[in-house]
C-alpha atoms as a PDB file:
ATOM      1  CA  MET A   1       7.630  17.269  -7.451  1.00  0.00           C
ATOM      2  CA  SER A   2       8.014  19.468  -4.147  1.00  0.00           C
ATOM      3  CA  GLY A   3      10.267  18.075  -1.589  1.00  0.00           C
ATOM      4  CA  GLY A   4      11.665  15.346  -3.508  1.00  0.00           C
ATOM      5  CA  ALA A   5       8.495  13.319  -3.104  1.00  0.00           C
ATOM      6  CA  ARG A   6       7.883  10.837  -5.816  1.00  0.00           C
ATOM      7  CA  VAL A   7       4.380   9.780  -7.189  1.00  0.00           C
ATOM      8  CA  ALA A   8       3.779   6.114  -8.218  1.00  0.00           C
ATOM      9  CA  GLY A   9       1.172   3.601  -9.020  1.00  0.00           C
ATOM     10  CA  ALA A  10      -0.100   0.322  -7.841  1.00  0.00           C
ATOM     11  CA  PRO A  11      -1.686  -2.611 -10.048  1.00  0.00           C
ATOM     12  CA  ILE A  12      -4.848  -2.900  -7.544  1.00  0.00           C
ATOM     13  CA  SER A  13      -5.834   0.566  -9.095  1.00  0.00           C
ATOM     14  CA  TRP A  14      -6.549  -1.425 -12.265  1.00  0.00           C
ATOM     15  CA  GLY A  15      -8.393  -4.050 -10.133  1.00  0.00           C
ATOM     16  CA  VAL A  16      -5.043  -6.576 -10.402  1.00  0.00           C
ATOM     17  CA  ILE A  17      -4.821  -8.041  -6.807  1.00  0.00           C
ATOM     18  CA  GLU A  18      -3.735 -11.301  -5.310  1.00  0.00           C
ATOM     19  CA  ILE A  19      -7.250 -12.351  -3.932  1.00  0.00           C
ATOM     20  CA  PRO A  20      -8.450 -15.336  -5.728  1.00  0.00           C
ATOM     21  CA  ASP A  21     -11.799 -14.652  -8.014  1.00  0.00           C
ATOM     22  CA  TRP A  22     -11.336 -10.978  -8.111  1.00  0.00           C
ATOM     23  CA  GLY A  23     -13.051  -9.697 -11.168  1.00  0.00           C
ATOM     24  CA  TYR A  24     -11.109  -9.372 -14.372  1.00  0.00           C
ATOM     25  CA  GLN A  25      -7.472  -9.253 -14.034  1.00  0.00           C
ATOM     26  CA  MET A  26      -5.937  -6.445 -16.461  1.00  0.00           C
ATOM     27  CA  PRO A  27      -2.747  -8.007 -18.242  1.00  0.00           C
ATOM     28  CA  ALA A  28       0.481  -6.181 -17.160  1.00  0.00           C
ATOM     29  CA  ASP A  29       1.025  -4.563 -20.479  1.00  0.00           C
ATOM     30  CA  ARG A  30      -2.289  -2.449 -20.659  1.00  0.00           C
ATOM     31  CA  VAL A  31      -1.650  -1.432 -16.662  1.00  0.00           C
ATOM     32  CA  LEU A  32       2.086  -0.324 -17.534  1.00  0.00           C
ATOM     33  CA  ARG A  33       1.230   1.369 -20.946  1.00  0.00           C
ATOM     34  CA  GLU A  34      -1.807   3.277 -19.101  1.00  0.00           C
ATOM     35  CA  ALA A  35       0.245   4.151 -16.031  1.00  0.00           C
ATOM     36  CA  ALA A  36       2.848   5.569 -18.198  1.00  0.00           C
ATOM     37  CA  SER A  37       0.189   7.457 -20.449  1.00  0.00           C
ATOM     38  CA  VAL A  38      -1.085   9.018 -17.323  1.00  0.00           C
ATOM     39  CA  GLY A  39       2.352  10.503 -16.432  1.00  0.00           C
ATOM     40  CA  LEU A  40       3.706   7.984 -13.622  1.00  0.00           C
ATOM     41  CA  THR A  41       6.981   6.838 -13.633  1.00  0.00           C
ATOM     42  CA  ALA A  42       7.059   3.888 -11.271  1.00  0.00           C
ATOM     43  CA  MET A  43       5.152   1.160  -9.977  1.00  0.00           C
ATOM     44  CA  GLU A  44       4.451  -1.312  -7.115  1.00  0.00           C
ATOM     45  CA  ALA A  45       4.979  -4.702  -8.217  1.00  0.00           C
ATOM     46  CA  GLY A  46       1.646  -6.070  -7.595  1.00  0.00           C
ATOM     47  CA  PRO A  47       0.619  -9.848  -6.974  1.00  0.00           C
ATOM     48  CA  ALA A  48       2.885 -13.020  -8.030  1.00  0.00           C
ATOM     49  CA  GLY A  49       2.436 -13.434 -11.499  1.00  0.00           C
ATOM     50  CA  PHE A  50       1.558  -9.668 -12.798  1.00  0.00           C
ATOM     51  CA  LEU A  51       5.275  -9.128 -13.439  1.00  0.00           C
ATOM     52  CA  PRO A  52       7.731 -11.328 -14.714  1.00  0.00           C
ATOM     53  CA  GLU A  53       9.333 -13.950 -12.058  1.00  0.00           C
ATOM     54  CA  ASP A  54      12.906 -12.970 -12.412  1.00  0.00           C
ATOM     55  CA  PRO A  55      14.458  -9.434 -12.008  1.00  0.00           C
ATOM     56  CA  ASP A  56      16.023  -9.214 -15.457  1.00  0.00           C
ATOM     57  CA  GLY A  57      12.506  -9.714 -17.048  1.00  0.00           C
ATOM     58  CA  VAL A  58      11.007  -7.413 -14.363  1.00  0.00           C
ATOM     59  CA  LYS A  59      13.380  -4.501 -15.375  1.00  0.00           C
ATOM     60  CA  ALA A  60      13.186  -5.185 -19.057  1.00  0.00           C
ATOM     61  CA  LYS A  61       9.142  -5.144 -18.963  1.00  0.00           C
ATOM     62  CA  LEU A  62       8.940  -1.662 -16.747  1.00  0.00           C
ATOM     63  CA  ALA A  63      11.789  -0.182 -19.374  1.00  0.00           C
ATOM     64  CA  GLU A  64       9.484  -0.809 -22.094  1.00  0.00           C
ATOM     65  CA  TYR A  65       7.207   1.812 -20.735  1.00  0.00           C
ATOM     66  CA  GLY A  66       9.618   4.072 -19.090  1.00  0.00           C
ATOM     67  CA  LEU A  67       8.840   2.679 -15.770  1.00  0.00           C
ATOM     68  CA  SER A  68      10.892   1.582 -12.744  1.00  0.00           C
ATOM     69  CA  LEU A  69       9.913  -0.602  -9.588  1.00  0.00           C
ATOM     70  CA  VAL A  70       9.162   1.055  -5.865  1.00  0.00           C
ATOM     71  CA  GLY A  71       8.924  -2.310  -4.255  1.00  0.00           C
ATOM     72  CA  GLY A  72       6.004  -4.475  -3.214  1.00  0.00           C
ATOM     73  CA  PHE A  73       3.659  -5.647  -0.816  1.00  0.00           C
ATOM     74  CA  VAL A  74       4.624  -8.527   1.542  1.00  0.00           C
ATOM     75  CA  PRO A  75       2.039  -9.962   3.834  1.00  0.00           C
ATOM     76  CA  ALA A  76       4.256 -12.331   6.287  1.00  0.00           C
ATOM     77  CA  VAL A  77       3.012 -13.932   9.436  1.00  0.00           C
ATOM     78  CA  LEU A  78       5.203 -12.837  11.912  1.00  0.00           C
ATOM     79  CA  HIS A  79       3.435 -13.341  15.272  1.00  0.00           C
ATOM     80  CA  ASP A  80       3.142 -16.990  15.627  1.00  0.00           C
ATOM     81  CA  PRO A  81       6.630 -18.826  16.433  1.00  0.00           C
ATOM     82  CA  GLY A  82       5.451 -21.997  14.719  1.00  0.00           C
ATOM     83  CA  VAL A  83       5.534 -20.060  11.483  1.00  0.00           C
ATOM     84  CA  SER A  84       7.530 -16.910  11.662  1.00  0.00           C
ATOM     85  CA  LEU A  85      10.765 -18.164  10.284  1.00  0.00           C
ATOM     86  CA  GLN A  86       8.944 -19.010   7.018  1.00  0.00           C
ATOM     87  CA  GLY A  87       7.398 -15.454   7.415  1.00  0.00           C
ATOM     88  CA  LEU A  88      11.245 -13.976   7.618  1.00  0.00           C
ATOM     89  CA  HIS A  89      12.094 -16.478   4.832  1.00  0.00           C
ATOM     90  CA  LEU A  90       9.632 -14.851   2.776  1.00  0.00           C
ATOM     91  CA  VAL A  91      10.750 -11.272   3.654  1.00  0.00           C
ATOM     92  CA  GLU A  92      14.170 -12.442   2.837  1.00  0.00           C
ATOM     93  CA  ARG A  93      13.130 -13.734  -0.705  1.00  0.00           C
ATOM     94  CA  ARG A  94      11.131 -10.557  -1.625  1.00  0.00           C
ATOM     95  CA  ALA A  95      13.858  -8.075  -0.415  1.00  0.00           C
ATOM     96  CA  ARG A  96      16.469  -9.954  -2.777  1.00  0.00           C
ATOM     97  CA  PHE A  97      14.219  -9.652  -5.580  1.00  0.00           C
ATOM     98  CA  PHE A  98      13.159  -5.982  -4.927  1.00  0.00           C
ATOM     99  CA  ALA A  99      16.680  -4.842  -4.517  1.00  0.00           C
ATOM    100  CA  ALA A 100      17.895  -6.912  -7.745  1.00  0.00           C
ATOM    101  CA  VAL A 101      15.298  -4.790  -9.645  1.00  0.00           C
ATOM    102  CA  GLY A 102      16.323  -1.653  -8.102  1.00  0.00           C
ATOM    103  CA  ALA A 103      13.714  -0.902  -5.593  1.00  0.00           C
ATOM    104  CA  ASP A 104      14.056   0.819  -2.348  1.00  0.00           C
ATOM    105  CA  THR A 105      10.914  -0.223  -0.521  1.00  0.00           C
ATOM    106  CA  LEU A 106       9.341  -3.581   0.959  1.00  0.00           C
ATOM    107  CA  VAL A 107       5.757  -2.927   2.480  1.00  0.00           C
ATOM    108  CA  LEU A 108       5.176  -5.289   4.984  1.00  0.00           C
ATOM    109  CA  ALA A 109       1.741  -6.459   6.100  1.00  0.00           C
ATOM    110  CA  ALA A 110       1.334  -8.363   9.443  1.00  0.00           C
ATOM    111  CA  ALA A 111      -0.768 -11.331   8.069  1.00  0.00           C
ATOM    112  CA  THR A 112      -3.014 -13.338  10.375  1.00  0.00           C
ATOM    113  CA  GLY A 113      -2.427 -16.680   8.596  1.00  0.00           C
ATOM    114  CA  ALA A 114      -5.759 -16.791   7.112  1.00  0.00           C
ATOM    115  CA  GLU A 115      -6.359 -17.172   3.580  1.00  0.00           C
ATOM    116  CA  SER A 116      -8.508 -14.420   3.391  1.00  0.00           C
ATOM    117  CA  TYR A 117      -8.536 -10.569   4.814  1.00  0.00           C
ATOM    118  CA  GLU A 118     -11.777 -11.114   6.724  1.00  0.00           C
ATOM    119  CA  GLU A 119     -10.748 -12.633   9.949  1.00  0.00           C
ATOM    120  CA  VAL A 120     -10.384 -10.351  12.853  1.00  0.00           C
ATOM    121  CA  VAL A 121      -7.396 -11.529  14.964  1.00  0.00           C
ATOM    122  CA  GLU A 122      -6.373  -9.918  18.515  1.00  0.00           C
ATOM    123  CA  LEU A 123      -2.810 -10.826  19.717  1.00  0.00           C
ATOM    124  CA  ASP A 124      -1.857 -11.762  23.141  1.00  0.00           C
ATOM    125  CA  GLU A 125       1.233 -10.440  25.004  1.00  0.00           C
ATOM    126  CA  ALA A 126       3.207 -13.057  23.561  1.00  0.00           C
ATOM    127  CA  GLY A 127       2.095 -12.767  20.023  1.00  0.00           C
ATOM    128  CA  TRP A 128       2.923  -9.018  20.397  1.00  0.00           C
ATOM    129  CA  LYS A 129       6.034  -9.677  21.722  1.00  0.00           C
ATOM    130  CA  GLU A 130       6.892 -12.207  19.039  1.00  0.00           C
ATOM    131  CA  LEU A 131       5.809  -9.954  16.483  1.00  0.00           C
ATOM    132  CA  PHE A 132       8.112  -6.813  17.414  1.00  0.00           C
ATOM    133  CA  GLU A 133      11.107  -9.268  17.632  1.00  0.00           C
ATOM    134  CA  ASN A 134      10.404 -10.400  13.869  1.00  0.00           C
ATOM    135  CA  LEU A 135       9.760  -6.612  12.671  1.00  0.00           C
ATOM    136  CA  LYS A 136      13.123  -5.953  14.066  1.00  0.00           C
ATOM    137  CA  ARG A 137      14.457  -9.045  12.446  1.00  0.00           C
ATOM    138  CA  ALA A 138      12.509  -7.907   9.039  1.00  0.00           C
ATOM    139  CA  GLU A 139      14.178  -4.559   9.238  1.00  0.00           C
ATOM    140  CA  GLU A 140      17.546  -5.755   9.508  1.00  0.00           C
ATOM    141  CA  ILE A 141      16.897  -8.136   6.436  1.00  0.00           C
ATOM    142  CA  CYS A 142      15.809  -5.097   4.486  1.00  0.00           C
ATOM    143  CA  VAL A 143      18.981  -2.864   5.592  1.00  0.00           C
ATOM    144  CA  ARG A 144      20.996  -5.642   4.299  1.00  0.00           C
ATOM    145  CA  HIS A 145      19.497  -5.463   0.935  1.00  0.00           C
ATOM    146  CA  GLY A 146      19.412  -1.440   0.804  1.00  0.00           C
ATOM    147  CA  LEU A 147      15.686  -1.358   1.228  1.00  0.00           C
ATOM    148  CA  THR A 148      13.454   0.641   3.566  1.00  0.00           C
ATOM    149  CA  LEU A 149      10.915  -1.388   5.438  1.00  0.00           C
ATOM    150  CA  ALA A 150       7.254   0.061   6.182  1.00  0.00           C
ATOM    151  CA  LEU A 151       4.718  -1.695   8.016  1.00  0.00           C
ATOM    152  CA  HIS A 152       1.221  -1.177   6.583  1.00  0.00           C
ATOM    153  CA  PRO A 153      -1.758  -1.725   9.082  1.00  0.00           C
ATOM    154  CA  HIS A 154      -4.284  -3.318   6.901  1.00  0.00           C
ATOM    155  CA  PHE A 155      -7.784  -4.619   7.036  1.00  0.00           C
ATOM    156  CA  GLY A 156      -7.735  -8.130   8.062  1.00  0.00           C
ATOM    157  CA  THR A 157      -4.103  -8.172   9.406  1.00  0.00           C
ATOM    158  CA  VAL A 158      -2.834  -8.252  13.053  1.00  0.00           C
ATOM    159  CA  ILE A 159      -2.717  -4.404  12.877  1.00  0.00           C
ATOM    160  CA  GLU A 160      -5.863  -3.110  11.460  1.00  0.00           C
ATOM    161  CA  THR A 161      -7.654  -1.148  14.319  1.00  0.00           C
ATOM    162  CA  ASP A 162      -6.767   2.012  15.941  1.00  0.00           C
ATOM    163  CA  ASP A 163      -5.804   0.483  18.852  1.00  0.00           C
ATOM    164  CA  GLN A 164      -3.547  -2.152  17.250  1.00  0.00           C
ATOM    165  CA  LEU A 165      -1.997   0.866  15.359  1.00  0.00           C
ATOM    166  CA  ARG A 166      -1.063   2.613  18.421  1.00  0.00           C
ATOM    167  CA  ARG A 167       0.315  -0.429  20.064  1.00  0.00           C
ATOM    168  CA  PHE A 168       2.509  -0.800  17.304  1.00  0.00           C
ATOM    169  CA  LEU A 169       3.589   3.019  17.088  1.00  0.00           C
ATOM    170  CA  ASP A 170       4.108   2.969  21.098  1.00  0.00           C
ATOM    171  CA  SER A 171       6.111  -0.260  21.356  1.00  0.00           C
ATOM    172  CA  CYS A 172       8.385  -0.492  18.335  1.00  0.00           C
ATOM    173  CA  ASP A 173      10.436   1.406  15.877  1.00  0.00           C
ATOM    174  CA  THR A 174       9.687   0.262  12.734  1.00  0.00           C
ATOM    175  CA  GLY A 175       8.546   2.733   9.735  1.00  0.00           C
ATOM    176  CA  LEU A 176       4.864   2.971   8.884  1.00  0.00           C
ATOM    177  CA  CYS A 177       3.308   2.860   5.626  1.00  0.00           C
ATOM    178  CA  LEU A 178       0.514   5.326   6.099  1.00  0.00           C
ATOM    179  CA  ASP A 179      -2.427   3.902   3.810  1.00  0.00           C
ATOM    180  CA  THR A 180      -5.262   6.524   4.200  1.00  0.00           C
ATOM    181  CA  GLY A 181      -7.862   3.997   3.155  1.00  0.00           C
ATOM    182  CA  HIS A 182      -6.875   1.041   5.711  1.00  0.00           C
ATOM    183  CA  LEU A 183      -6.338   3.615   8.433  1.00  0.00           C
ATOM    184  CA  VAL A 184     -10.153   4.775   8.164  1.00  0.00           C
ATOM    185  CA  ILE A 185     -11.302   1.158   7.997  1.00  0.00           C
ATOM    186  CA  GLY A 186      -9.730   0.481  10.942  1.00  0.00           C
ATOM    187  CA  GLY A 187     -11.392   3.564  12.879  1.00  0.00           C
ATOM    188  CA  SER A 188      -8.117   5.787  12.771  1.00  0.00           C
ATOM    189  CA  ASP A 189      -7.969   9.300  11.236  1.00  0.00           C
ATOM    190  CA  PRO A 190      -4.996   9.433   8.755  1.00  0.00           C
ATOM    191  CA  VAL A 191      -4.548  13.062   9.021  1.00  0.00           C
ATOM    192  CA  GLU A 192      -4.276  12.767  12.869  1.00  0.00           C
ATOM    193  CA  ILE A 193      -1.828   9.760  12.493  1.00  0.00           C
ATOM    194  CA  ALA A 194       0.212  12.094  10.002  1.00  0.00           C
ATOM    195  CA  GLU A 195       0.426  14.678  12.549  1.00  0.00           C
ATOM    196  CA  GLU A 196       1.229  12.438  15.439  1.00  0.00           C
ATOM    197  CA  ALA A 197       3.682  10.150  13.671  1.00  0.00           C
ATOM    198  CA  ALA A 198       5.028  11.760  10.564  1.00  0.00           C
ATOM    199  CA  ASP A 199       8.568  10.907  11.440  1.00  0.00           C
ATOM    200  CA  ARG A 200       7.787   7.359  11.293  1.00  0.00           C
ATOM    201  CA  VAL A 201       6.199   7.581   7.812  1.00  0.00           C
ATOM    202  CA  LYS A 202       8.366   5.615   5.339  1.00  0.00           C
ATOM    203  CA  HIS A 203       6.006   4.905   2.417  1.00  0.00           C
ATOM    204  CA  VAL A 204       2.418   6.484   1.664  1.00  0.00           C
ATOM    205  CA  HIS A 205      -0.448   4.595   0.007  1.00  0.00           C
ATOM    206  CA  LEU A 206      -2.953   7.359  -1.047  1.00  0.00           C
ATOM    207  CA  LYS A 207      -6.664   6.349  -1.437  1.00  0.00           C
ATOM    208  CA  ASP A 208      -9.742   8.267  -0.811  1.00  0.00           C
ATOM    209  CA  VAL A 209     -12.416   6.651   1.068  1.00  0.00           C
ATOM    210  CA  ASP A 210     -16.470   6.760   1.033  1.00  0.00           C
ATOM    211  CA  ARG A 211     -16.343   6.852   5.055  1.00  0.00           C
ATOM    212  CA  GLU A 212     -19.739   4.797   5.581  1.00  0.00           C
ATOM    213  CA  VAL A 213     -18.946   2.234   3.228  1.00  0.00           C
ATOM    214  CA  ALA A 214     -15.480   1.966   4.740  1.00  0.00           C
ATOM    215  CA  LYS A 215     -17.148   1.790   8.409  1.00  0.00           C
ATOM    216  CA  ARG A 216     -19.390  -1.056   7.263  1.00  0.00           C
ATOM    217  CA  LEU A 217     -16.312  -2.817   5.922  1.00  0.00           C
ATOM    218  CA  GLY A 218     -14.326  -2.548   9.284  1.00  0.00           C
ATOM    219  CA  ALA A 219     -17.718  -3.660  11.063  1.00  0.00           C
ATOM    220  CA  ARG A 220     -17.757  -6.722   8.862  1.00  0.00           C
ATOM    221  CA  GLU A 221     -20.914  -5.957   7.457  1.00  0.00           C
ATOM    222  CA  LEU A 222     -19.512  -6.103   3.813  1.00  0.00           C
ATOM    223  CA  ASP A 223     -16.352  -8.264   2.722  1.00  0.00           C
ATOM    224  CA  PHE A 224     -13.686  -6.600   0.942  1.00  0.00           C
ATOM    225  CA  LYS A 225     -14.772  -7.414  -2.574  1.00  0.00           C
ATOM    226  CA  GLY A 226     -18.310  -6.295  -1.666  1.00  0.00           C
ATOM    227  CA  ALA A 227     -17.027  -2.856  -0.250  1.00  0.00           C
ATOM    228  CA  CYS A 228     -15.031  -2.484  -3.567  1.00  0.00           C
ATOM    229  CA  ARG A 229     -18.121  -3.146  -5.643  1.00  0.00           C
ATOM    230  CA  ALA A 230     -19.911  -0.452  -3.481  1.00  0.00           C
ATOM    231  CA  GLU A 231     -17.142   2.062  -4.465  1.00  0.00           C
ATOM    232  CA  ALA A 232     -15.426   2.146  -0.816  1.00  0.00           C
ATOM    233  CA  PHE A 233     -12.388   3.765  -2.608  1.00  0.00           C
ATOM    234  CA  ARG A 234     -12.703   6.846  -4.690  1.00  0.00           C
ATOM    235  CA  PRO A 235     -10.313   9.065  -6.884  1.00  0.00           C
ATOM    236  CA  LEU A 236      -8.177  11.398  -4.899  1.00  0.00           C
ATOM    237  CA  GLY A 237     -10.237  14.546  -3.859  1.00  0.00           C
ATOM    238  CA  GLU A 238     -13.800  13.009  -4.215  1.00  0.00           C
ATOM    239  CA  GLY A 239     -14.326  10.837  -1.151  1.00  0.00           C
ATOM    240  CA  ASP A 240     -14.272  11.613   2.768  1.00  0.00           C
ATOM    241  CA  VAL A 241     -10.515  11.833   3.627  1.00  0.00           C
ATOM    242  CA  ASP A 242      -8.839  15.428   3.674  1.00  0.00           C
ATOM    243  CA  ILE A 243      -6.158  13.968   1.218  1.00  0.00           C
ATOM    244  CA  GLY A 244      -5.223  17.707   0.558  1.00  0.00           C
ATOM    245  CA  ARG A 245      -4.182  18.389   4.422  1.00  0.00           C
ATOM    246  CA  LEU A 246      -2.567  15.392   4.597  1.00  0.00           C
ATOM    247  CA  LEU A 247      -0.348  15.897   1.841  1.00  0.00           C
ATOM    248  CA  ASP A 248       0.480  19.315   3.448  1.00  0.00           C
ATOM    249  CA  VAL A 249       1.284  17.715   6.749  1.00  0.00           C
ATOM    250  CA  LEU A 250       3.720  15.426   5.366  1.00  0.00           C
ATOM    251  CA  LYS A 251       5.121  18.105   3.025  1.00  0.00           C
ATOM    252  CA  VAL A 252       5.784  20.400   6.076  1.00  0.00           C
ATOM    253  CA  ALA A 253       7.273  17.519   8.144  1.00  0.00           C
ATOM    254  CA  GLY A 254       9.734  17.044   5.026  1.00  0.00           C
ATOM    255  CA  TYR A 255       8.419  13.508   3.772  1.00  0.00           C
ATOM    256  CA  GLY A 256      10.423  12.779   0.168  1.00  0.00           C
ATOM    257  CA  ARG A 257       9.530   9.337  -0.434  1.00  0.00           C
ATOM    258  CA  TRP A 258       7.187   7.558  -2.322  1.00  0.00           C
ATOM    259  CA  TYR A 259       3.295   8.659  -2.823  1.00  0.00           C
ATOM    260  CA  VAL A 260       1.598   5.584  -4.349  1.00  0.00           C
ATOM    261  CA  LEU A 261      -1.887   5.898  -5.844  1.00  0.00           C
ATOM    262  CA  GLU A 262      -3.787   2.873  -4.867  1.00  0.00           C
ATOM    263  CA  GLN A 263      -7.516   3.020  -5.607  1.00  0.00           C
ATOM    264  CA  ASP A 264      -8.411  -0.586  -4.599  1.00  0.00           C
ATOM    265  CA  MET A 265     -10.784  -1.517  -7.500  1.00  0.00           C
ATOM    266  CA  LEU A 266     -12.773  -4.482  -8.799  1.00  0.00           C
ATOM    267  CA  VAL A 267     -12.789  -4.404 -12.615  1.00  0.00           C
ATOM    268  CA  GLU A 268     -15.773  -6.851 -13.800  1.00  0.00           C
ATOM    269  CA  LYS A 269     -14.741  -7.213 -17.373  1.00  0.00           C
ATOM    270  CA  GLU A 270     -12.225  -5.763 -19.986  1.00  0.00           C
ATOM    271  CA  PRO A 271     -12.599  -2.185 -20.513  1.00  0.00           C
ATOM    272  CA  GLU A 272     -12.599  -0.638 -23.863  1.00  0.00           C
ATOM    273  CA  GLU A 273      -9.238   1.143 -24.661  1.00  0.00           C
ATOM    274  CA  GLY A 274      -9.273   4.576 -23.343  1.00  0.00           C
ATOM    275  CA  GLU A 275     -12.037   3.508 -20.538  1.00  0.00           C
ATOM    276  CA  GLY A 276     -11.732   1.978 -17.146  1.00  0.00           C
ATOM    277  CA  PRO A 277      -9.760   2.623 -14.192  1.00  0.00           C
ATOM    278  CA  VAL A 278      -7.009   5.011 -15.899  1.00  0.00           C
ATOM    279  CA  GLY A 279      -9.594   7.802 -15.727  1.00  0.00           C
ATOM    280  CA  ASP A 280      -9.514   7.808 -11.908  1.00  0.00           C
ATOM    281  CA  VAL A 281      -5.687   7.242 -11.693  1.00  0.00           C
ATOM    282  CA  CYS A 282      -5.670  10.164 -13.813  1.00  0.00           C
ATOM    283  CA  ILE A 283      -7.555  12.078 -11.547  1.00  0.00           C
ATOM    284  CA  SER A 284      -5.450  11.255  -8.720  1.00  0.00           C
ATOM    285  CA  PHE A 285      -2.479  12.147 -10.312  1.00  0.00           C
ATOM    286  CA  GLY A 286      -3.478  15.346 -11.206  1.00  0.00           C
ATOM    287  CA  PHE A 287      -4.833  16.010  -7.498  1.00  0.00           C
ATOM    288  CA  VAL A 288      -1.434  15.027  -6.195  1.00  0.00           C
ATOM    289  CA  GLN A 289       0.746  16.642  -8.747  1.00  0.00           C
ATOM    290  CA  GLU A 290      -1.421  20.288  -8.093  1.00  0.00           C
ATOM    291  CA  ARG A 291      -1.032  19.685  -4.247  1.00  0.00           C
ATOM    292  CA  LEU A 292       2.637  18.958  -3.915  1.00  0.00           C
ATOM    293  CA  ASN A 293       3.753  21.410  -6.710  1.00  0.00           C
ATOM    294  CA  GLY A 294       1.732  24.342  -4.820  1.00  0.00           C
ATOM    295  CA  GLY A 295       2.118  26.296  -1.674  1.00  0.00           C
ATOM    296  CA  VAL A 296       0.653  24.629   1.432  1.00  0.00           C
ATOM    297  CA  LYS A 297      -2.709  25.886   2.144  1.00  0.00           C
ATOM    298  CA  GLY A 298      -4.062  26.663   5.473  1.00  0.00           C
END
């Protein structure tokens, strides 16, 4: 793979997510087997309960399929002084766990504290100050465990909109998880952000997006489940994001860390063998391989 970049999968591409009552949750063995069959060699951790609870168990389970662990998604409340310490304790626990499994990345979302991702929260100046101070502490935790921290702008968190993203980029030095889908939902242009902040990108989640459905989701005309049911997220190359251009921008900038295929899916029932989400994952993996292994296009 060109430039040392690596491609991994994510359980959400098979409909496995932490949100309650979210369709059929495919078992880990099938997800991991299908990921390996496509040609992936690594995965993000997914929600609690997807992989074993102990590091040795995770390593053994992944090894059955020739896979390793990239790291995982950690939503933590870091803007509220009343609960920020709990958020940092969660970062500490997950960082220790990921490091023990051999991962190298912790993807942090600045959670609102609400149970769902539907709430919109605007921080006041005190909240921003608290958040930035705790992002520094979270990064210190990750460094201590040999991990890279990447902040994930995400629907339903305190860094969702383009204004919030730019406040983050302008006010601290924490690394960025560039998620092409969530950037579109928040009103940002993923290619523009890659061009402006390539030096901050420490992790990439690749989604292609139906821009109109994403716009309705960002406006709260749809909830997240409804947007996935309406196929807001598409295989790479089949949506409205110029994923090829984004890959070119990061390639020229020397990005050499993980690209994670992350097409948020809702699976209604157990698919027949050889059917279901694996087909879309295969399309996306082929798209990335072709683009990264070929020359930069004008």
